[in-house]
Amino acid sequence: MVVKAESEKAIRHLCHQWRKAAGLESTPTSQLSFSSFLSWLRQNYAGYLTFRTTTSVEYDAEMRFDDEFKQSWTR
């Protein structure tokens, strides 16, 4: 299990790594899919999804994704 703050930092970084690995650098941020990112994250870096939270791990990861790609307005 990782500390939530460590996981948050890693997930924020991995958002951009995923975008590059998926060849989505020219895709507008509003069209990036959290579910695709979460699938990739589970397959490659599942350890960062093992922190304690009062909400849910998926919710917290999605909030980081939204923050990184300026999608918070969709909430």
N, C-alpha and C. Protein backbone atom coordinates (compact mmCIF):
# COMPACT_ATOMS: atom_id res chain seq x y z
N MET A 1 0.85 -1.19 0.00
CA MET A 1 0.00 0.00 0.00
C MET A 1 0.90 1.24 0.00
N VAL A 2 0.53 2.22 -0.82
CA VAL A 2 1.29 3.46 -0.89
C VAL A 2 0.55 4.56 -0.13
N VAL A 3 1.28 5.58 0.23
CA VAL A 3 0.70 6.73 0.90
C VAL A 3 -0.08 7.53 -0.15
N LYS A 4 -1.21 8.06 0.24
CA LYS A 4 -2.08 8.78 -0.70
C LYS A 4 -1.35 9.92 -1.40
N ALA A 5 -0.56 10.68 -0.69
CA ALA A 5 0.16 11.82 -1.29
C ALA A 5 1.16 11.34 -2.35
N GLU A 6 1.83 10.22 -2.08
CA GLU A 6 2.77 9.66 -3.05
C GLU A 6 2.02 9.19 -4.30
N SER A 7 0.89 8.57 -4.09
CA SER A 7 0.07 8.09 -5.20
C SER A 7 -0.45 9.26 -6.03
N GLU A 8 -0.89 10.33 -5.37
CA GLU A 8 -1.40 11.49 -6.09
C GLU A 8 -0.33 12.07 -7.02
N LYS A 9 0.87 12.21 -6.50
CA LYS A 9 1.96 12.75 -7.31
C LYS A 9 2.25 11.84 -8.50
N ALA A 10 2.27 10.54 -8.26
CA ALA A 10 2.55 9.58 -9.34
C ALA A 10 1.43 9.58 -10.38
N ILE A 11 0.19 9.59 -9.94
CA ILE A 11 -0.94 9.57 -10.87
C ILE A 11 -0.94 10.81 -11.75
N ARG A 12 -0.65 11.95 -11.17
CA ARG A 12 -0.57 13.19 -11.97
C ARG A 12 0.49 13.06 -13.06
N HIS A 13 1.64 12.52 -12.69
CA HIS A 13 2.72 12.32 -13.67
C HIS A 13 2.31 11.29 -14.72
N LEU A 14 1.70 10.21 -14.27
CA LEU A 14 1.32 9.13 -15.18
C LEU A 14 0.22 9.54 -16.16
N CYS A 15 -0.57 10.52 -15.81
CA CYS A 15 -1.58 11.04 -16.76
C CYS A 15 -0.89 11.45 -18.06
N HIS A 16 0.20 12.16 -17.93
CA HIS A 16 0.91 12.66 -19.10
C HIS A 16 1.71 11.56 -19.80
N GLN A 17 2.22 10.63 -19.01
CA GLN A 17 2.93 9.49 -19.59
C GLN A 17 1.96 8.64 -20.42
N TRP A 18 0.77 8.40 -19.88
CA TRP A 18 -0.27 7.64 -20.61
C TRP A 18 -0.64 8.34 -21.91
N ARG A 19 -0.84 9.65 -21.84
CA ARG A 19 -1.23 10.40 -23.03
C ARG A 19 -0.19 10.24 -24.14
N LYS A 20 1.06 10.32 -23.76
CA LYS A 20 2.15 10.17 -24.73
C LYS A 20 2.21 8.73 -25.25
N ALA A 21 2.15 7.75 -24.35
CA ALA A 21 2.22 6.34 -24.73
C ALA A 21 1.06 5.93 -25.65
N ALA A 22 -0.09 6.55 -25.44
CA ALA A 22 -1.27 6.24 -26.24
C ALA A 22 -1.31 7.01 -27.55
N GLY A 23 -0.33 7.90 -27.76
CA GLY A 23 -0.30 8.68 -28.98
C GLY A 23 -1.40 9.73 -29.06
N LEU A 24 -1.75 10.26 -27.90
CA LEU A 24 -2.86 11.22 -27.82
C LEU A 24 -2.40 12.66 -27.58
N GLU A 25 -1.15 12.95 -27.88
CA GLU A 25 -0.61 14.29 -27.60
C GLU A 25 -1.36 15.39 -28.35
N SER A 26 -1.86 15.09 -29.54
CA SER A 26 -2.56 16.13 -30.30
C SER A 26 -4.08 16.10 -30.06
N THR A 27 -4.54 15.16 -29.25
CA THR A 27 -5.96 15.09 -28.92
C THR A 27 -6.29 16.17 -27.89
N PRO A 28 -7.35 16.94 -28.14
CA PRO A 28 -7.74 17.96 -27.16
C PRO A 28 -7.98 17.32 -25.79
N THR A 29 -7.58 18.01 -24.75
CA THR A 29 -7.72 17.44 -23.40
C THR A 29 -9.17 17.13 -23.05
N SER A 30 -10.09 17.86 -23.63
CA SER A 30 -11.51 17.61 -23.34
C SER A 30 -11.98 16.27 -23.91
N GLN A 31 -11.20 15.68 -24.79
CA GLN A 31 -11.59 14.41 -25.40
C GLN A 31 -10.83 13.21 -24.82
N LEU A 32 -9.99 13.45 -23.84
CA LEU A 32 -9.25 12.36 -23.23
C LEU A 32 -10.17 11.58 -22.29
N SER A 33 -10.02 10.27 -22.28
CA SER A 33 -10.91 9.39 -21.54
C SER A 33 -10.29 8.89 -20.25
N PHE A 34 -10.96 9.20 -19.15
CA PHE A 34 -10.47 8.71 -17.86
C PHE A 34 -10.54 7.19 -17.80
N SER A 35 -11.57 6.59 -18.33
CA SER A 35 -11.69 5.13 -18.26
C SER A 35 -10.55 4.44 -19.00
N SER A 36 -10.10 5.00 -20.10
CA SER A 36 -8.94 4.45 -20.82
C SER A 36 -7.68 4.60 -19.98
N PHE A 37 -7.54 5.76 -19.36
CA PHE A 37 -6.38 5.99 -18.49
C PHE A 37 -6.40 5.02 -17.32
N LEU A 38 -7.55 4.84 -16.69
CA LEU A 38 -7.65 3.95 -15.53
C LEU A 38 -7.32 2.51 -15.91
N SER A 39 -7.77 2.08 -17.06
CA SER A 39 -7.44 0.73 -17.55
C SER A 39 -5.93 0.57 -17.70
N TRP A 40 -5.30 1.55 -18.34
CA TRP A 40 -3.85 1.55 -18.55
C TRP A 40 -3.13 1.56 -17.21
N LEU A 41 -3.61 2.39 -16.29
CA LEU A 41 -3.00 2.49 -14.97
C LEU A 41 -3.09 1.16 -14.23
N ARG A 42 -4.23 0.51 -14.28
CA ARG A 42 -4.41 -0.79 -13.61
C ARG A 42 -3.48 -1.85 -14.21
N GLN A 43 -3.29 -1.81 -15.52
CA GLN A 43 -2.44 -2.80 -16.18
C GLN A 43 -0.96 -2.57 -15.92
N ASN A 44 -0.55 -1.32 -15.77
CA ASN A 44 0.87 -1.00 -15.70
C ASN A 44 1.37 -0.50 -14.34
N TYR A 45 0.52 0.13 -13.58
CA TYR A 45 0.95 0.75 -12.32
C TYR A 45 -0.10 0.57 -11.22
N ALA A 46 -0.63 -0.61 -11.10
CA ALA A 46 -1.71 -0.88 -10.15
C ALA A 46 -1.34 -0.55 -8.71
N GLY A 47 -0.07 -0.60 -8.40
CA GLY A 47 0.37 -0.29 -7.04
C GLY A 47 0.01 1.11 -6.58
N TYR A 48 -0.13 2.02 -7.51
CA TYR A 48 -0.51 3.39 -7.16
C TYR A 48 -2.01 3.52 -6.87
N LEU A 49 -2.73 2.43 -6.99
CA LEU A 49 -4.16 2.45 -6.70
C LEU A 49 -4.47 1.70 -5.40
N THR A 50 -3.49 1.66 -4.50
CA THR A 50 -3.66 0.91 -3.26
C THR A 50 -3.57 1.79 -2.02
N PHE A 51 -4.01 3.02 -2.12
CA PHE A 51 -3.96 3.92 -0.97
C PHE A 51 -5.31 3.98 -0.28
N ARG A 52 -5.29 4.43 0.96
CA ARG A 52 -6.54 4.60 1.71
C ARG A 52 -7.15 5.95 1.39
N THR A 53 -8.48 5.96 1.35
CA THR A 53 -9.19 7.21 1.06
C THR A 53 -10.58 7.15 1.67
N THR A 54 -11.16 8.30 1.90
CA THR A 54 -12.52 8.34 2.45
C THR A 54 -13.57 8.24 1.35
N THR A 55 -13.16 8.42 0.10
CA THR A 55 -14.10 8.31 -1.03
C THR A 55 -13.87 6.95 -1.68
N SER A 56 -13.27 6.93 -2.84
CA SER A 56 -12.84 5.68 -3.48
C SER A 56 -11.57 5.98 -4.25
N VAL A 57 -10.77 4.97 -4.45
CA VAL A 57 -9.52 5.13 -5.17
C VAL A 57 -9.79 5.65 -6.58
N GLU A 58 -10.80 5.09 -7.24
CA GLU A 58 -11.13 5.51 -8.60
C GLU A 58 -11.56 6.97 -8.64
N TYR A 59 -12.35 7.39 -7.67
CA TYR A 59 -12.79 8.78 -7.62
C TYR A 59 -11.60 9.72 -7.46
N ASP A 60 -10.71 9.39 -6.53
CA ASP A 60 -9.53 10.23 -6.31
C ASP A 60 -8.65 10.28 -7.56
N ALA A 61 -8.46 9.14 -8.21
CA ALA A 61 -7.65 9.12 -9.44
C ALA A 61 -8.31 9.97 -10.52
N GLU A 62 -9.63 9.89 -10.62
CA GLU A 62 -10.32 10.69 -11.63
C GLU A 62 -10.20 12.18 -11.34
N MET A 63 -10.22 12.55 -10.08
CA MET A 63 -10.05 13.97 -9.73
C MET A 63 -8.67 14.46 -10.16
N ARG A 64 -7.64 13.64 -9.98
CA ARG A 64 -6.28 14.02 -10.41
C ARG A 64 -6.23 14.14 -11.93
N PHE A 65 -6.84 13.19 -12.62
CA PHE A 65 -6.91 13.20 -14.09
C PHE A 65 -7.60 14.49 -14.56
N ASP A 66 -8.73 14.79 -13.96
CA ASP A 66 -9.48 16.00 -14.34
C ASP A 66 -8.66 17.26 -14.07
N ASP A 67 -7.98 17.30 -12.95
CA ASP A 67 -7.13 18.46 -12.63
C ASP A 67 -6.02 18.62 -13.66
N GLU A 68 -5.35 17.53 -13.98
CA GLU A 68 -4.22 17.59 -14.92
C GLU A 68 -4.65 18.01 -16.31
N PHE A 69 -5.82 17.57 -16.74
CA PHE A 69 -6.27 17.86 -18.11
C PHE A 69 -7.38 18.91 -18.16
N LYS A 70 -7.52 19.65 -17.09
CA LYS A 70 -8.47 20.77 -17.03
C LYS A 70 -9.89 20.34 -17.41
N GLN A 71 -10.30 19.18 -16.87
CA GLN A 71 -11.65 18.69 -17.14
C GLN A 71 -12.57 18.84 -15.95
N SER A 72 -12.14 19.55 -14.93
CA SER A 72 -12.95 19.71 -13.72
C SER A 72 -14.29 20.37 -14.01
N TRP A 73 -14.35 21.15 -15.07
CA TRP A 73 -15.59 21.82 -15.45
C TRP A 73 -16.69 20.83 -15.81
N THR A 74 -16.33 19.57 -16.10
CA THR A 74 -17.34 18.58 -16.49
C THR A 74 -18.09 18.02 -15.28
N ARG A 75 -17.66 18.38 -14.10
CA ARG A 75 -18.31 17.86 -12.88
C ARG A 75 -19.45 18.75 -12.46
